[in-house]
Amino acid sequence: MTASRLVHSSPSAAMWATLRAAALAALLGAAVMRRDARGMMLLHVLLAASIIAVLGAAALPRARSLYVRAAVEYEAVHLIGELRRIQAVSRTTAMPLYMLGGTAAGARKPQLYVRGGSYEIAPHGGAGRAHRMLPLVRITQVTADGKPMSFDRNGGIGQGSSNMTIRIEAEGHARDALNVIIDSAARIRLQRGGRDEE
């Protein structure tokens, strides 16, 4: 029985010796490799940074183009909403209101002024609220320059106003510009690239 124990115990002792030698070699190899790997680590970091820079340089113009289209679309839809709100308010408040004693208090007709790359909504003859455009986006009044936009009590174009085109565009992206058109029947629509949309 002793011989069988020796046969079984010998490979186990030899196996432990081999494992110890392999572990020691791995530790020594790792220490040596760590010293050499410092330069490789810097090389890997520089390589990853250059790949990220190239991908970023390729994606940045596309991201800016997407922002410009979304910002111009947002501002055009926001302007159409403001114009329709002014039209609705004018339908309800464009008639003169009478105070005590039968004297007219005057009509409250909000107006929209396009000024300095933005627009302002003001009650008739009063101080108003200016809208700040998103970065890179500007607004210009193409027709009826300088005239405010107002509506009468029937929702039509008010006295002193006329049909007009208001252009919304981003600097350097004229192809993505949108036109907000108010026609002579006081219909408000969006025009992009020659197509009209309601």
C-alpha atoms as a PDB file:
ATOM      1  CA  MET A   1       0.000   0.000   0.000  1.00  0.00           C
ATOM      2  CA  THR A   2       2.928   2.261   0.617  1.00  0.00           C
ATOM      3  CA  ALA A   3       4.117   1.954  -2.938  1.00  0.00           C
ATOM      4  CA  SER A   4       0.751   2.945  -4.270  1.00  0.00           C
ATOM      5  CA  ARG A   5       0.740   5.917  -1.923  1.00  0.00           C
ATOM      6  CA  LEU A   6       4.129   6.982  -3.219  1.00  0.00           C
ATOM      7  CA  VAL A   7       3.007   6.643  -6.796  1.00  0.00           C
ATOM      8  CA  HIS A   8      -0.047   8.748  -6.099  1.00  0.00           C
ATOM      9  CA  SER A   9       1.790  11.271  -3.938  1.00  0.00           C
ATOM     10  CA  SER A  10       4.736  11.721  -6.292  1.00  0.00           C
ATOM     11  CA  PRO A  11       2.775  13.202  -9.173  1.00  0.00           C
ATOM     12  CA  SER A  12       0.999  15.468  -6.780  1.00  0.00           C
ATOM     13  CA  ALA A  13       4.271  16.795  -5.345  1.00  0.00           C
ATOM     14  CA  ALA A  14       5.689  17.200  -8.825  1.00  0.00           C
ATOM     15  CA  MET A  15       2.496  18.929  -9.898  1.00  0.00           C
ATOM     16  CA  TRP A  16       2.731  21.360  -6.964  1.00  0.00           C
ATOM     17  CA  ALA A  17       6.346  22.083  -7.792  1.00  0.00           C
ATOM     18  CA  THR A  18       5.425  22.760 -11.409  1.00  0.00           C
ATOM     19  CA  LEU A  19       2.547  25.016 -10.370  1.00  0.00           C
ATOM     20  CA  ARG A  20       4.833  26.951  -7.994  1.00  0.00           C
ATOM     21  CA  ALA A  21       7.415  27.398 -10.728  1.00  0.00           C
ATOM     22  CA  ALA A  22       4.734  28.550 -13.206  1.00  0.00           C
ATOM     23  CA  ALA A  23       3.291  31.035 -10.684  1.00  0.00           C
ATOM     24  CA  LEU A  24       6.757  32.419  -9.959  1.00  0.00           C
ATOM     25  CA  ALA A  25       7.451  32.759 -13.686  1.00  0.00           C
ATOM     26  CA  ALA A  26       4.113  34.491 -14.170  1.00  0.00           C
ATOM     27  CA  LEU A  27       4.846  36.954 -11.369  1.00  0.00           C
ATOM     28  CA  LEU A  28       8.328  37.685 -12.659  1.00  0.00           C
ATOM     29  CA  GLY A  29       7.050  37.943 -16.220  1.00  0.00           C
ATOM     30  CA  ALA A  30       4.285  40.322 -15.152  1.00  0.00           C
ATOM     31  CA  ALA A  31       6.786  42.534 -13.339  1.00  0.00           C
ATOM     32  CA  VAL A  32       9.039  42.642 -16.378  1.00  0.00           C
ATOM     33  CA  MET A  33       6.066  43.158 -18.674  1.00  0.00           C
ATOM     34  CA  ARG A  34       4.708  45.991 -16.532  1.00  0.00           C
ATOM     35  CA  ARG A  35       7.931  47.901 -17.004  1.00  0.00           C
ATOM     36  CA  ASP A  36       7.703  47.452 -20.798  1.00  0.00           C
ATOM     37  CA  ALA A  37       3.934  47.968 -20.896  1.00  0.00           C
ATOM     38  CA  ARG A  38       4.151  51.569 -19.668  1.00  0.00           C
ATOM     39  CA  GLY A  39       5.179  52.784 -23.109  1.00  0.00           C
ATOM     40  CA  MET A  40       2.574  50.587 -24.752  1.00  0.00           C
ATOM     41  CA  MET A  41      -0.128  51.986 -22.477  1.00  0.00           C
ATOM     42  CA  LEU A  42       0.706  55.527 -23.581  1.00  0.00           C
ATOM     43  CA  LEU A  43       0.662  54.393 -27.206  1.00  0.00           C
ATOM     44  CA  HIS A  44      -2.786  52.804 -26.730  1.00  0.00           C
ATOM     45  CA  VAL A  45      -4.168  55.967 -25.097  1.00  0.00           C
ATOM     46  CA  LEU A  46      -2.832  58.166 -27.925  1.00  0.00           C
ATOM     47  CA  LEU A  47      -4.247  55.800 -30.527  1.00  0.00           C
ATOM     48  CA  ALA A  48      -7.686  55.817 -28.869  1.00  0.00           C
ATOM     49  CA  ALA A  49      -7.633  59.639 -28.585  1.00  0.00           C
ATOM     50  CA  SER A  50      -6.770  60.018 -32.279  1.00  0.00           C
ATOM     51  CA  ILE A  51      -9.579  57.634 -33.302  1.00  0.00           C
ATOM     52  CA  ILE A  52     -12.069  59.598 -31.176  1.00  0.00           C
ATOM     53  CA  ALA A  53     -10.835  62.890 -32.701  1.00  0.00           C
ATOM     54  CA  VAL A  54     -11.266  61.606 -36.261  1.00  0.00           C
ATOM     55  CA  LEU A  55     -14.767  60.292 -35.525  1.00  0.00           C
ATOM     56  CA  GLY A  56     -15.681  63.565 -33.804  1.00  0.00           C
ATOM     57  CA  ALA A  57     -14.418  65.629 -36.745  1.00  0.00           C
ATOM     58  CA  ALA A  58     -16.550  63.555 -39.100  1.00  0.00           C
ATOM     59  CA  ALA A  59     -19.674  63.729 -36.921  1.00  0.00           C
ATOM     60  CA  LEU A  60     -19.560  67.422 -35.936  1.00  0.00           C
ATOM     61  CA  PRO A  61     -20.755  68.915 -39.274  1.00  0.00           C
ATOM     62  CA  ARG A  62     -23.593  66.396 -39.435  1.00  0.00           C
ATOM     63  CA  ALA A  63     -24.654  67.189 -35.861  1.00  0.00           C
ATOM     64  CA  ARG A  64     -24.584  70.938 -36.589  1.00  0.00           C
ATOM     65  CA  SER A  65     -26.687  70.409 -39.713  1.00  0.00           C
ATOM     66  CA  LEU A  66     -29.245  68.414 -37.721  1.00  0.00           C
ATOM     67  CA  TYR A  67     -29.358  71.150 -35.058  1.00  0.00           C
ATOM     68  CA  VAL A  68     -29.842  73.879 -37.669  1.00  0.00           C
ATOM     69  CA  ARG A  69     -32.739  72.084 -39.349  1.00  0.00           C
ATOM     70  CA  ALA A  70     -34.420  71.343 -36.023  1.00  0.00           C
ATOM     71  CA  ALA A  71     -33.901  74.895 -34.704  1.00  0.00           C
ATOM     72  CA  VAL A  72     -35.263  76.549 -37.863  1.00  0.00           C
ATOM     73  CA  GLU A  73     -38.257  74.190 -37.869  1.00  0.00           C
ATOM     74  CA  TYR A  74     -38.927  74.898 -34.182  1.00  0.00           C
ATOM     75  CA  GLU A  75     -38.771  78.675 -34.634  1.00  0.00           C
ATOM     76  CA  ALA A  76     -41.020  78.577 -37.719  1.00  0.00           C
ATOM     77  CA  VAL A  77     -43.661  76.470 -35.959  1.00  0.00           C
ATOM     78  CA  HIS A  78     -43.391  78.690 -32.869  1.00  0.00           C
ATOM     79  CA  LEU A  79     -43.933  81.814 -35.014  1.00  0.00           C
ATOM     80  CA  ILE A  80     -46.964  80.239 -36.718  1.00  0.00           C
ATOM     81  CA  GLY A  81     -48.400  79.419 -33.285  1.00  0.00           C
ATOM     82  CA  GLU A  82     -47.856  83.010 -32.125  1.00  0.00           C
ATOM     83  CA  LEU A  83     -49.489  84.411 -35.279  1.00  0.00           C
ATOM     84  CA  ARG A  84     -52.502  82.133 -34.867  1.00  0.00           C
ATOM     85  CA  ARG A  85     -52.765  83.140 -31.210  1.00  0.00           C
ATOM     86  CA  ILE A  86     -52.683  86.834 -32.195  1.00  0.00           C
ATOM     87  CA  GLN A  87     -55.363  86.113 -34.784  1.00  0.00           C
ATOM     88  CA  ALA A  88     -57.555  84.364 -32.192  1.00  0.00           C
ATOM     89  CA  VAL A  89     -57.075  87.125 -29.613  1.00  0.00           C
ATOM     90  CA  SER A  90     -57.921  89.745 -32.240  1.00  0.00           C
ATOM     91  CA  ARG A  91     -61.183  87.979 -32.992  1.00  0.00           C
ATOM     92  CA  THR A  92     -62.259  88.312 -29.370  1.00  0.00           C
ATOM     93  CA  THR A  93     -60.802  91.684 -28.379  1.00  0.00           C
ATOM     94  CA  ALA A  94     -60.569  93.807 -31.536  1.00  0.00           C
ATOM     95  CA  MET A  95     -63.907  95.498 -30.828  1.00  0.00           C
ATOM     96  CA  PRO A  96     -63.862  98.679 -28.745  1.00  0.00           C
ATOM     97  CA  LEU A  97     -64.736  98.060 -25.131  1.00  0.00           C
ATOM     98  CA  TYR A  98     -67.025 100.554 -23.408  1.00  0.00           C
ATOM     99  CA  MET A  99     -66.424 101.799 -19.912  1.00  0.00           C
ATOM    100  CA  LEU A 100     -68.758 103.563 -17.541  1.00  0.00           C
ATOM    101  CA  GLY A 101     -70.503 106.506 -19.101  1.00  0.00           C
ATOM    102  CA  GLY A 102     -70.482 105.033 -22.606  1.00  0.00           C
ATOM    103  CA  THR A 103     -66.924 106.087 -23.523  1.00  0.00           C
ATOM    104  CA  ALA A 104     -64.904 103.711 -25.644  1.00  0.00           C
ATOM    105  CA  ALA A 105     -61.842 102.230 -23.980  1.00  0.00           C
ATOM    106  CA  GLY A 106     -60.234 101.316 -27.301  1.00  0.00           C
ATOM    107  CA  ALA A 107     -59.600  98.050 -29.051  1.00  0.00           C
ATOM    108  CA  ARG A 108     -56.862  95.683 -27.918  1.00  0.00           C
ATOM    109  CA  LYS A 109     -55.215  94.392 -31.054  1.00  0.00           C
ATOM    110  CA  PRO A 110     -51.908  92.621 -30.494  1.00  0.00           C
ATOM    111  CA  GLN A 111     -49.317  93.136 -33.206  1.00  0.00           C
ATOM    112  CA  LEU A 112     -46.178  91.290 -34.234  1.00  0.00           C
ATOM    113  CA  TYR A 113     -43.074  93.304 -35.138  1.00  0.00           C
ATOM    114  CA  VAL A 114     -40.050  91.733 -36.811  1.00  0.00           C
ATOM    115  CA  ARG A 115     -36.983  93.629 -35.590  1.00  0.00           C
ATOM    116  CA  GLY A 116     -33.279  92.994 -35.322  1.00  0.00           C
ATOM    117  CA  GLY A 117     -33.267  89.288 -36.149  1.00  0.00           C
ATOM    118  CA  SER A 118     -36.084  88.475 -33.715  1.00  0.00           C
ATOM    119  CA  TYR A 119     -39.724  89.412 -33.185  1.00  0.00           C
ATOM    120  CA  GLU A 120     -41.811  91.175 -30.589  1.00  0.00           C
ATOM    121  CA  ILE A 121     -45.500  90.832 -29.742  1.00  0.00           C
ATOM    122  CA  ALA A 122     -47.019  94.052 -28.476  1.00  0.00           C
ATOM    123  CA  PRO A 123     -50.524  95.212 -27.706  1.00  0.00           C
ATOM    124  CA  HIS A 124     -51.625  98.051 -29.969  1.00  0.00           C
ATOM    125  CA  GLY A 125     -49.414 100.994 -29.025  1.00  0.00           C
ATOM    126  CA  GLY A 126     -47.988  99.376 -25.890  1.00  0.00           C
ATOM    127  CA  ALA A 127     -44.793  97.722 -24.733  1.00  0.00           C
ATOM    128  CA  GLY A 128     -44.548  94.105 -25.701  1.00  0.00           C
ATOM    129  CA  ARG A 129     -42.717  90.868 -25.158  1.00  0.00           C
ATOM    130  CA  ALA A 130     -39.698  90.028 -27.292  1.00  0.00           C
ATOM    131  CA  HIS A 131     -38.984  86.483 -28.397  1.00  0.00           C
ATOM    132  CA  ARG A 132     -35.360  85.362 -28.272  1.00  0.00           C
ATOM    133  CA  MET A 133     -34.424  83.158 -31.202  1.00  0.00           C
ATOM    134  CA  LEU A 134     -32.354  80.009 -30.723  1.00  0.00           C
ATOM    135  CA  PRO A 135     -28.596  80.346 -31.350  1.00  0.00           C
ATOM    136  CA  LEU A 136     -27.624  80.662 -35.040  1.00  0.00           C
ATOM    137  CA  VAL A 137     -31.263  81.287 -36.089  1.00  0.00           C
ATOM    138  CA  ARG A 138     -32.480  84.658 -37.369  1.00  0.00           C
ATOM    139  CA  ILE A 139     -35.708  86.020 -38.771  1.00  0.00           C
ATOM    140  CA  THR A 140     -36.238  88.602 -41.520  1.00  0.00           C
ATOM    141  CA  GLN A 141     -39.364  90.184 -42.935  1.00  0.00           C
ATOM    142  CA  VAL A 142     -39.084  89.671 -46.696  1.00  0.00           C
ATOM    143  CA  THR A 143     -42.186  91.646 -47.755  1.00  0.00           C
ATOM    144  CA  ALA A 144     -44.037  94.549 -46.114  1.00  0.00           C
ATOM    145  CA  ASP A 145     -40.775  95.626 -44.498  1.00  0.00           C
ATOM    146  CA  GLY A 146     -41.256  97.369 -41.184  1.00  0.00           C
ATOM    147  CA  LYS A 147     -45.035  96.956 -41.031  1.00  0.00           C
ATOM    148  CA  PRO A 148     -46.421  95.128 -38.019  1.00  0.00           C
ATOM    149  CA  MET A 149     -48.653  92.112 -38.491  1.00  0.00           C
ATOM    150  CA  SER A 150     -52.115  92.488 -36.977  1.00  0.00           C
ATOM    151  CA  PHE A 151     -55.550  91.006 -37.558  1.00  0.00           C
ATOM    152  CA  ASP A 152     -59.037  92.515 -37.463  1.00  0.00           C
ATOM    153  CA  ARG A 153     -62.008  91.278 -35.452  1.00  0.00           C
ATOM    154  CA  ASN A 154     -62.965  88.809 -38.198  1.00  0.00           C
ATOM    155  CA  GLY A 155     -59.503  87.260 -38.243  1.00  0.00           C
ATOM    156  CA  GLY A 156     -58.545  88.972 -41.507  1.00  0.00           C
ATOM    157  CA  ILE A 157     -55.493  91.137 -42.050  1.00  0.00           C
ATOM    158  CA  GLY A 158     -55.822  94.247 -39.915  1.00  0.00           C
ATOM    159  CA  GLN A 159     -55.749  97.845 -41.021  1.00  0.00           C
ATOM    160  CA  GLY A 160     -52.168  98.984 -41.577  1.00  0.00           C
ATOM    161  CA  SER A 161     -51.003  95.422 -42.210  1.00  0.00           C
ATOM    162  CA  SER A 162     -50.659  93.551 -45.443  1.00  0.00           C
ATOM    163  CA  ASN A 163     -49.892  90.065 -46.595  1.00  0.00           C
ATOM    164  CA  MET A 164     -46.272  89.225 -45.879  1.00  0.00           C
ATOM    165  CA  THR A 165     -43.514  86.658 -45.978  1.00  0.00           C
ATOM    166  CA  ILE A 166     -41.266  86.113 -42.981  1.00  0.00           C
ATOM    167  CA  ARG A 167     -38.066  84.116 -43.571  1.00  0.00           C
ATOM    168  CA  ILE A 168     -36.443  82.042 -40.835  1.00  0.00           C
ATOM    169  CA  GLU A 169     -32.934  80.777 -41.485  1.00  0.00           C
ATOM    170  CA  ALA A 170     -29.649  79.886 -39.833  1.00  0.00           C
ATOM    171  CA  GLU A 171     -26.380  81.614 -40.586  1.00  0.00           C
ATOM    172  CA  GLY A 172     -24.583  79.772 -43.374  1.00  0.00           C
ATOM    173  CA  HIS A 173     -27.476  77.362 -44.025  1.00  0.00           C
ATOM    174  CA  ALA A 174     -29.685  79.203 -46.522  1.00  0.00           C
ATOM    175  CA  ARG A 175     -30.862  75.936 -48.107  1.00  0.00           C
ATOM    176  CA  ASP A 176     -32.599  74.978 -44.841  1.00  0.00           C
ATOM    177  CA  ALA A 177     -34.532  78.276 -44.602  1.00  0.00           C
ATOM    178  CA  LEU A 178     -38.307  78.280 -44.098  1.00  0.00           C
ATOM    179  CA  ASN A 179     -40.854  80.950 -45.036  1.00  0.00           C
ATOM    180  CA  VAL A 180     -43.923  81.761 -42.984  1.00  0.00           C
ATOM    181  CA  ILE A 181     -46.483  83.248 -45.353  1.00  0.00           C
ATOM    182  CA  ILE A 182     -49.552  85.255 -44.371  1.00  0.00           C
ATOM    183  CA  ASP A 183     -51.647  85.721 -47.511  1.00  0.00           C
ATOM    184  CA  SER A 184     -54.333  88.315 -48.269  1.00  0.00           C
ATOM    185  CA  ALA A 185     -57.048  86.012 -46.853  1.00  0.00           C
ATOM    186  CA  ALA A 186     -55.077  85.890 -43.544  1.00  0.00           C
ATOM    187  CA  ARG A 187     -54.179  82.224 -43.982  1.00  0.00           C
ATOM    188  CA  ILE A 188     -50.915  81.365 -42.266  1.00  0.00           C
ATOM    189  CA  ARG A 189     -48.791  78.654 -43.826  1.00  0.00           C
ATOM    190  CA  LEU A 190     -45.263  77.300 -43.866  1.00  0.00           C
ATOM    191  CA  GLN A 191     -43.260  77.132 -47.072  1.00  0.00           C
ATOM    192  CA  ARG A 192     -40.149  75.011 -47.369  1.00  0.00           C
ATOM    193  CA  GLY A 193     -38.272  74.651 -50.622  1.00  0.00           C
ATOM    194  CA  GLY A 194     -41.159  75.933 -52.735  1.00  0.00           C
ATOM    195  CA  ARG A 195     -43.791  73.632 -51.155  1.00  0.00           C
ATOM    196  CA  ASP A 196     -46.568  75.010 -48.988  1.00  0.00           C
ATOM    197  CA  GLU A 197     -47.710  73.236 -45.832  1.00  0.00           C
ATOM    198  CA  GLU A 198     -50.646  74.068 -43.590  1.00  0.00           C
END
